[in-house]
Amino acid sequence: MEQIAKCGFFFVFIFLSSVNSDMITVSNGAKWGDWQFKDMCPEGTYARGFNLKVEEQQGRGDDTALNAIRLYCSSSPSSKPDQYIQSGAGRWGSWTNVQWCSYGFLTAFKLKVEKYQGSGDDTAANDIIFKCSNGDFIPGNGQIWGEWEETSNSCSKGICGIQTRIEEPQGDGDDTALNDVRFFCD
């Protein structure tokens, strides 16, 4: 009986910790650069959409891939917001079209990250996929390098904040720009 009680407690603990988290992260983010400022949706609003700042492939040049992420906040699970939030950003690339949850809010994510390349060209974070509260997954249309790993825990209502880890320009060195991201839940 004591073993069953312990297992039940363990299950409840795991379930609650995966749903009711103040911050959601993944473990495969790269480590170059510094954490930038945290930006939050206005109170009572959550992210319904996002877009990415992505550098095109440079051929023989220095690639950075993912440079920034914007979140579009709304109080309604079905309306398009007019306000976005954004943490730090790399200087390269252009903005993709905004991707929206068909209904609901962004609740979890998966990050595509290229591992350290040694003497090769490092790009760090390349792409992101978000999960919506209605169960849909929305790809970010970033770059091709790297591997997907685990999906983050989920926010119970929705993502309402962002903080990025950005490597500053390296001059003649190897630039990576966005290395990691963490999101905040209400």
C-alpha atoms as a PDB file:
ATOM      1  CA  MET A   1       0.000   0.000   0.000  1.00  0.00           C
ATOM      2  CA  GLU A   2       2.860   2.387   0.863  1.00  0.00           C
ATOM      3  CA  GLN A   3       4.469   1.726  -2.557  1.00  0.00           C
ATOM      4  CA  ILE A   4       1.206   2.556  -4.343  1.00  0.00           C
ATOM      5  CA  ALA A   5       0.873   5.786  -2.364  1.00  0.00           C
ATOM      6  CA  LYS A   6       4.432   6.766  -3.294  1.00  0.00           C
ATOM      7  CA  CYS A   7       3.792   6.008  -6.977  1.00  0.00           C
ATOM      8  CA  GLY A   8       0.552   7.996  -6.869  1.00  0.00           C
ATOM      9  CA  PHE A   9       2.340  10.949  -5.287  1.00  0.00           C
ATOM     10  CA  PHE A  10       5.142  10.689  -7.834  1.00  0.00           C
ATOM     11  CA  PHE A  11       2.620  10.654 -10.724  1.00  0.00           C
ATOM     12  CA  VAL A  12       0.755  13.684  -9.332  1.00  0.00           C
ATOM     13  CA  PHE A  13       4.049  15.530  -8.798  1.00  0.00           C
ATOM     14  CA  ILE A  14       5.235  14.834 -12.371  1.00  0.00           C
ATOM     15  CA  PHE A  15       1.841  15.774 -13.824  1.00  0.00           C
ATOM     16  CA  LEU A  16       1.607  19.037 -11.902  1.00  0.00           C
ATOM     17  CA  SER A  17       5.209  20.029 -12.590  1.00  0.00           C
ATOM     18  CA  SER A  18       4.758  19.482 -16.342  1.00  0.00           C
ATOM     19  CA  VAL A  19       1.574  21.562 -16.549  1.00  0.00           C
ATOM     20  CA  ASN A  20       1.903  24.333 -13.962  1.00  0.00           C
ATOM     21  CA  SER A  21       5.331  25.785 -14.660  1.00  0.00           C
ATOM     22  CA  ASP A  22       6.297  29.443 -14.416  1.00  0.00           C
ATOM     23  CA  MET A  23       9.023  28.964 -17.023  1.00  0.00           C
ATOM     24  CA  ILE A  24       9.380  26.377 -19.788  1.00  0.00           C
ATOM     25  CA  THR A  25      12.728  25.396 -21.297  1.00  0.00           C
ATOM     26  CA  VAL A  26      14.425  22.700 -23.367  1.00  0.00           C
ATOM     27  CA  SER A  27      17.812  21.133 -22.638  1.00  0.00           C
ATOM     28  CA  ASN A  28      19.425  21.359 -26.087  1.00  0.00           C
ATOM     29  CA  GLY A  29      19.956  25.138 -26.266  1.00  0.00           C
ATOM     30  CA  ALA A  30      23.507  26.304 -27.046  1.00  0.00           C
ATOM     31  CA  LYS A  31      25.585  28.122 -24.414  1.00  0.00           C
ATOM     32  CA  TRP A  32      27.197  31.039 -26.268  1.00  0.00           C
ATOM     33  CA  GLY A  33      26.139  34.564 -25.383  1.00  0.00           C
ATOM     34  CA  ASP A  34      24.150  36.084 -22.561  1.00  0.00           C
ATOM     35  CA  TRP A  35      20.532  36.013 -21.469  1.00  0.00           C
ATOM     36  CA  GLN A  36      18.806  39.175 -22.636  1.00  0.00           C
ATOM     37  CA  PHE A  37      15.898  41.075 -21.050  1.00  0.00           C
ATOM     38  CA  LYS A  38      12.610  39.300 -20.372  1.00  0.00           C
ATOM     39  CA  ASP A  39       9.607  40.692 -22.300  1.00  0.00           C
ATOM     40  CA  MET A  40       6.041  39.910 -21.189  1.00  0.00           C
ATOM     41  CA  CYS A  41       2.609  40.109 -22.819  1.00  0.00           C
ATOM     42  CA  PRO A  42       0.271  42.664 -21.234  1.00  0.00           C
ATOM     43  CA  GLU A  43      -1.593  41.261 -18.237  1.00  0.00           C
ATOM     44  CA  GLY A  44      -4.426  38.918 -19.218  1.00  0.00           C
ATOM     45  CA  THR A  45      -3.010  38.217 -22.686  1.00  0.00           C
ATOM     46  CA  TYR A  46      -1.137  35.231 -24.115  1.00  0.00           C
ATOM     47  CA  ALA A  47       0.851  34.486 -27.269  1.00  0.00           C
ATOM     48  CA  ARG A  48      -1.356  33.339 -30.197  1.00  0.00           C
ATOM     49  CA  GLY A  49       1.240  33.675 -32.941  1.00  0.00           C
ATOM     50  CA  PHE A  50       4.923  34.139 -33.664  1.00  0.00           C
ATOM     51  CA  ASN A  51       7.459  34.929 -36.351  1.00  0.00           C
ATOM     52  CA  LEU A  52      11.207  34.441 -36.664  1.00  0.00           C
ATOM     53  CA  LYS A  53      14.144  36.532 -37.818  1.00  0.00           C
ATOM     54  CA  VAL A  54      16.206  34.101 -39.911  1.00  0.00           C
ATOM     55  CA  GLU A  55      19.397  34.609 -41.888  1.00  0.00           C
ATOM     56  CA  GLU A  56      19.432  32.918 -45.310  1.00  0.00           C
ATOM     57  CA  GLN A  57      22.170  30.370 -45.985  1.00  0.00           C
ATOM     58  CA  GLN A  58      25.448  32.187 -46.711  1.00  0.00           C
ATOM     59  CA  GLY A  59      27.115  29.510 -48.808  1.00  0.00           C
ATOM     60  CA  ARG A  60      30.803  29.855 -47.960  1.00  0.00           C
ATOM     61  CA  GLY A  61      30.130  32.710 -45.500  1.00  0.00           C
ATOM     62  CA  ASP A  62      29.347  32.681 -41.782  1.00  0.00           C
ATOM     63  CA  ASP A  63      25.804  31.411 -41.072  1.00  0.00           C
ATOM     64  CA  THR A  64      23.834  32.455 -37.999  1.00  0.00           C
ATOM     65  CA  ALA A  65      20.398  30.916 -38.822  1.00  0.00           C
ATOM     66  CA  LEU A  66      17.863  31.946 -36.115  1.00  0.00           C
ATOM     67  CA  ASN A  67      18.388  35.513 -34.856  1.00  0.00           C
ATOM     68  CA  ALA A  68      15.170  36.439 -33.017  1.00  0.00           C
ATOM     69  CA  ILE A  69      11.630  35.375 -32.072  1.00  0.00           C
ATOM     70  CA  ARG A  70       8.552  37.604 -31.757  1.00  0.00           C
ATOM     71  CA  LEU A  71       5.384  36.573 -29.929  1.00  0.00           C
ATOM     72  CA  TYR A  72       1.992  38.131 -30.742  1.00  0.00           C
ATOM     73  CA  CYS A  73      -0.217  38.558 -27.648  1.00  0.00           C
ATOM     74  CA  SER A  74      -4.019  38.424 -27.464  1.00  0.00           C
ATOM     75  CA  SER A  75      -6.701  38.191 -24.783  1.00  0.00           C
ATOM     76  CA  SER A  76      -8.904  36.074 -27.069  1.00  0.00           C
ATOM     77  CA  PRO A  77      -8.076  32.579 -28.384  1.00  0.00           C
ATOM     78  CA  SER A  78      -9.524  33.500 -31.788  1.00  0.00           C
ATOM     79  CA  SER A  79      -8.590  37.131 -32.549  1.00  0.00           C
ATOM     80  CA  LYS A  80      -5.422  38.405 -34.202  1.00  0.00           C
ATOM     81  CA  PRO A  81      -3.482  40.724 -31.870  1.00  0.00           C
ATOM     82  CA  ASP A  82      -1.794  43.931 -32.885  1.00  0.00           C
ATOM     83  CA  GLN A  83       0.986  43.858 -30.279  1.00  0.00           C
ATOM     84  CA  TYR A  84       4.122  41.734 -30.158  1.00  0.00           C
ATOM     85  CA  ILE A  85       6.854  41.132 -27.617  1.00  0.00           C
ATOM     86  CA  GLN A  86      10.493  40.273 -28.245  1.00  0.00           C
ATOM     87  CA  SER A  87      13.624  39.701 -26.176  1.00  0.00           C
ATOM     88  CA  GLY A  88      17.146  40.299 -27.517  1.00  0.00           C
ATOM     89  CA  ALA A  89      17.869  39.792 -31.217  1.00  0.00           C
ATOM     90  CA  GLY A  90      20.805  39.094 -33.497  1.00  0.00           C
ATOM     91  CA  ARG A  91      21.484  41.606 -36.293  1.00  0.00           C
ATOM     92  CA  TRP A  92      21.247  39.279 -39.308  1.00  0.00           C
ATOM     93  CA  GLY A  93      18.315  38.004 -41.347  1.00  0.00           C
ATOM     94  CA  SER A  94      14.771  39.016 -42.154  1.00  0.00           C
ATOM     95  CA  TRP A  95      11.395  38.347 -40.569  1.00  0.00           C
ATOM     96  CA  THR A  96       9.262  35.406 -41.675  1.00  0.00           C
ATOM     97  CA  ASN A  97       5.468  35.637 -41.993  1.00  0.00           C
ATOM     98  CA  VAL A  98       3.536  35.420 -38.734  1.00  0.00           C
ATOM     99  CA  GLN A  99       2.257  31.922 -37.915  1.00  0.00           C
ATOM    100  CA  TRP A 100      -0.955  31.664 -35.859  1.00  0.00           C
ATOM    101  CA  CYS A 101      -2.704  29.084 -33.732  1.00  0.00           C
ATOM    102  CA  SER A 102      -5.978  28.384 -35.561  1.00  0.00           C
ATOM    103  CA  TYR A 103      -7.616  28.640 -32.134  1.00  0.00           C
ATOM    104  CA  GLY A 104      -6.019  29.015 -28.721  1.00  0.00           C
ATOM    105  CA  PHE A 105      -2.629  30.056 -27.429  1.00  0.00           C
ATOM    106  CA  LEU A 106       0.967  28.836 -27.717  1.00  0.00           C
ATOM    107  CA  THR A 107       1.637  26.432 -24.823  1.00  0.00           C
ATOM    108  CA  ALA A 108       4.891  24.510 -25.511  1.00  0.00           C
ATOM    109  CA  PHE A 109       7.841  24.440 -27.922  1.00  0.00           C
ATOM    110  CA  LYS A 110      10.631  22.397 -29.449  1.00  0.00           C
ATOM    111  CA  LEU A 111      13.981  23.933 -30.508  1.00  0.00           C
ATOM    112  CA  LYS A 112      16.241  22.781 -33.371  1.00  0.00           C
ATOM    113  CA  VAL A 113      19.881  23.373 -32.404  1.00  0.00           C
ATOM    114  CA  GLU A 114      23.156  22.604 -34.164  1.00  0.00           C
ATOM    115  CA  LYS A 115      25.790  21.143 -31.841  1.00  0.00           C
ATOM    116  CA  TYR A 116      29.308  22.625 -31.601  1.00  0.00           C
ATOM    117  CA  GLN A 117      31.123  22.189 -34.946  1.00  0.00           C
ATOM    118  CA  GLY A 118      34.729  22.462 -33.766  1.00  0.00           C
ATOM    119  CA  SER A 119      36.604  24.316 -36.509  1.00  0.00           C
ATOM    120  CA  GLY A 120      33.427  24.426 -38.659  1.00  0.00           C
ATOM    121  CA  ASP A 121      30.728  27.111 -38.826  1.00  0.00           C
ATOM    122  CA  ASP A 122      28.471  27.135 -35.739  1.00  0.00           C
ATOM    123  CA  THR A 123      24.867  28.319 -36.035  1.00  0.00           C
ATOM    124  CA  ALA A 124      23.370  27.271 -32.628  1.00  0.00           C
ATOM    125  CA  ALA A 125      19.529  27.660 -32.732  1.00  0.00           C
ATOM    126  CA  ASN A 126      18.057  27.131 -36.208  1.00  0.00           C
ATOM    127  CA  ASP A 127      14.288  26.702 -35.890  1.00  0.00           C
ATOM    128  CA  ILE A 128      11.375  26.292 -33.485  1.00  0.00           C
ATOM    129  CA  ILE A 129       8.042  24.483 -33.441  1.00  0.00           C
ATOM    130  CA  PHE A 130       5.254  25.669 -31.132  1.00  0.00           C
ATOM    131  CA  LYS A 131       2.349  23.642 -29.787  1.00  0.00           C
ATOM    132  CA  CYS A 132      -1.039  25.364 -29.500  1.00  0.00           C
ATOM    133  CA  SER A 133      -3.601  24.774 -26.755  1.00  0.00           C
ATOM    134  CA  ASN A 134      -5.885  23.114 -29.343  1.00  0.00           C
ATOM    135  CA  GLY A 135      -3.183  20.463 -30.002  1.00  0.00           C
ATOM    136  CA  ASP A 136      -1.890  21.861 -33.318  1.00  0.00           C
ATOM    137  CA  PHE A 137       1.861  22.141 -33.950  1.00  0.00           C
ATOM    138  CA  ILE A 138       3.158  25.170 -35.906  1.00  0.00           C
ATOM    139  CA  PRO A 139       6.603  25.023 -37.586  1.00  0.00           C
ATOM    140  CA  GLY A 140       8.737  28.145 -37.616  1.00  0.00           C
ATOM    141  CA  ASN A 141      10.331  27.784 -41.068  1.00  0.00           C
ATOM    142  CA  GLY A 142      13.865  28.484 -39.841  1.00  0.00           C
ATOM    143  CA  GLN A 143      17.072  26.866 -41.121  1.00  0.00           C
ATOM    144  CA  ILE A 144      18.125  23.278 -41.851  1.00  0.00           C
ATOM    145  CA  TRP A 145      21.047  22.594 -39.477  1.00  0.00           C
ATOM    146  CA  GLY A 146      20.835  20.823 -36.161  1.00  0.00           C
ATOM    147  CA  GLU A 147      18.626  18.348 -34.382  1.00  0.00           C
ATOM    148  CA  TRP A 148      15.233  18.474 -32.709  1.00  0.00           C
ATOM    149  CA  GLU A 149      15.117  17.195 -29.159  1.00  0.00           C
ATOM    150  CA  GLU A 150      12.381  16.958 -26.548  1.00  0.00           C
ATOM    151  CA  THR A 151       9.317  19.185 -26.411  1.00  0.00           C
ATOM    152  CA  SER A 152       9.198  21.517 -23.409  1.00  0.00           C
ATOM    153  CA  ASN A 153       6.673  21.184 -20.616  1.00  0.00           C
ATOM    154  CA  SER A 154       3.347  22.905 -21.303  1.00  0.00           C
ATOM    155  CA  CYS A 155       1.885  26.101 -19.910  1.00  0.00           C
ATOM    156  CA  SER A 156      -1.580  25.466 -18.480  1.00  0.00           C
ATOM    157  CA  LYS A 157      -3.177  28.502 -20.191  1.00  0.00           C
ATOM    158  CA  GLY A 158      -0.533  29.864 -22.531  1.00  0.00           C
ATOM    159  CA  ILE A 159       2.894  31.403 -23.042  1.00  0.00           C
ATOM    160  CA  CYS A 160       3.001  35.051 -21.944  1.00  0.00           C
ATOM    161  CA  GLY A 161       6.724  35.931 -21.904  1.00  0.00           C
ATOM    162  CA  ILE A 162      10.049  35.354 -23.638  1.00  0.00           C
ATOM    163  CA  GLN A 163      13.770  35.605 -22.880  1.00  0.00           C
ATOM    164  CA  THR A 164      16.519  34.786 -25.397  1.00  0.00           C
ATOM    165  CA  ARG A 165      20.212  33.988 -25.103  1.00  0.00           C
ATOM    166  CA  ILE A 166      22.071  35.982 -27.784  1.00  0.00           C
ATOM    167  CA  GLU A 167      25.735  35.916 -28.729  1.00  0.00           C
ATOM    168  CA  GLU A 168      26.952  39.387 -29.675  1.00  0.00           C
ATOM    169  CA  PRO A 169      28.735  39.809 -33.056  1.00  0.00           C
ATOM    170  CA  GLN A 170      32.206  38.236 -32.976  1.00  0.00           C
ATOM    171  CA  GLY A 171      33.910  40.511 -35.502  1.00  0.00           C
ATOM    172  CA  ASP A 172      36.059  38.203 -37.611  1.00  0.00           C
ATOM    173  CA  GLY A 173      35.023  35.207 -35.462  1.00  0.00           C
ATOM    174  CA  ASP A 174      32.188  32.708 -35.879  1.00  0.00           C
ATOM    175  CA  ASP A 175      28.768  34.279 -35.177  1.00  0.00           C
ATOM    176  CA  THR A 176      25.791  32.307 -33.840  1.00  0.00           C
ATOM    177  CA  ALA A 177      23.214  34.977 -32.752  1.00  0.00           C
ATOM    178  CA  LEU A 178      20.260  33.212 -30.989  1.00  0.00           C
ATOM    179  CA  ASN A 179      21.480  30.279 -28.894  1.00  0.00           C
ATOM    180  CA  ASP A 180      18.601  29.449 -26.567  1.00  0.00           C
ATOM    181  CA  VAL A 181      15.176  30.661 -25.461  1.00  0.00           C
ATOM    182  CA  ARG A 182      12.925  30.272 -22.445  1.00  0.00           C
ATOM    183  CA  PHE A 183       9.248  31.140 -22.220  1.00  0.00           C
ATOM    184  CA  PHE A 184       7.134  32.211 -19.276  1.00  0.00           C
ATOM    185  CA  CYS A 185       3.663  31.042 -18.291  1.00  0.00           C
ATOM    186  CA  ASP A 186       0.891  32.704 -16.352  1.00  0.00           C
END
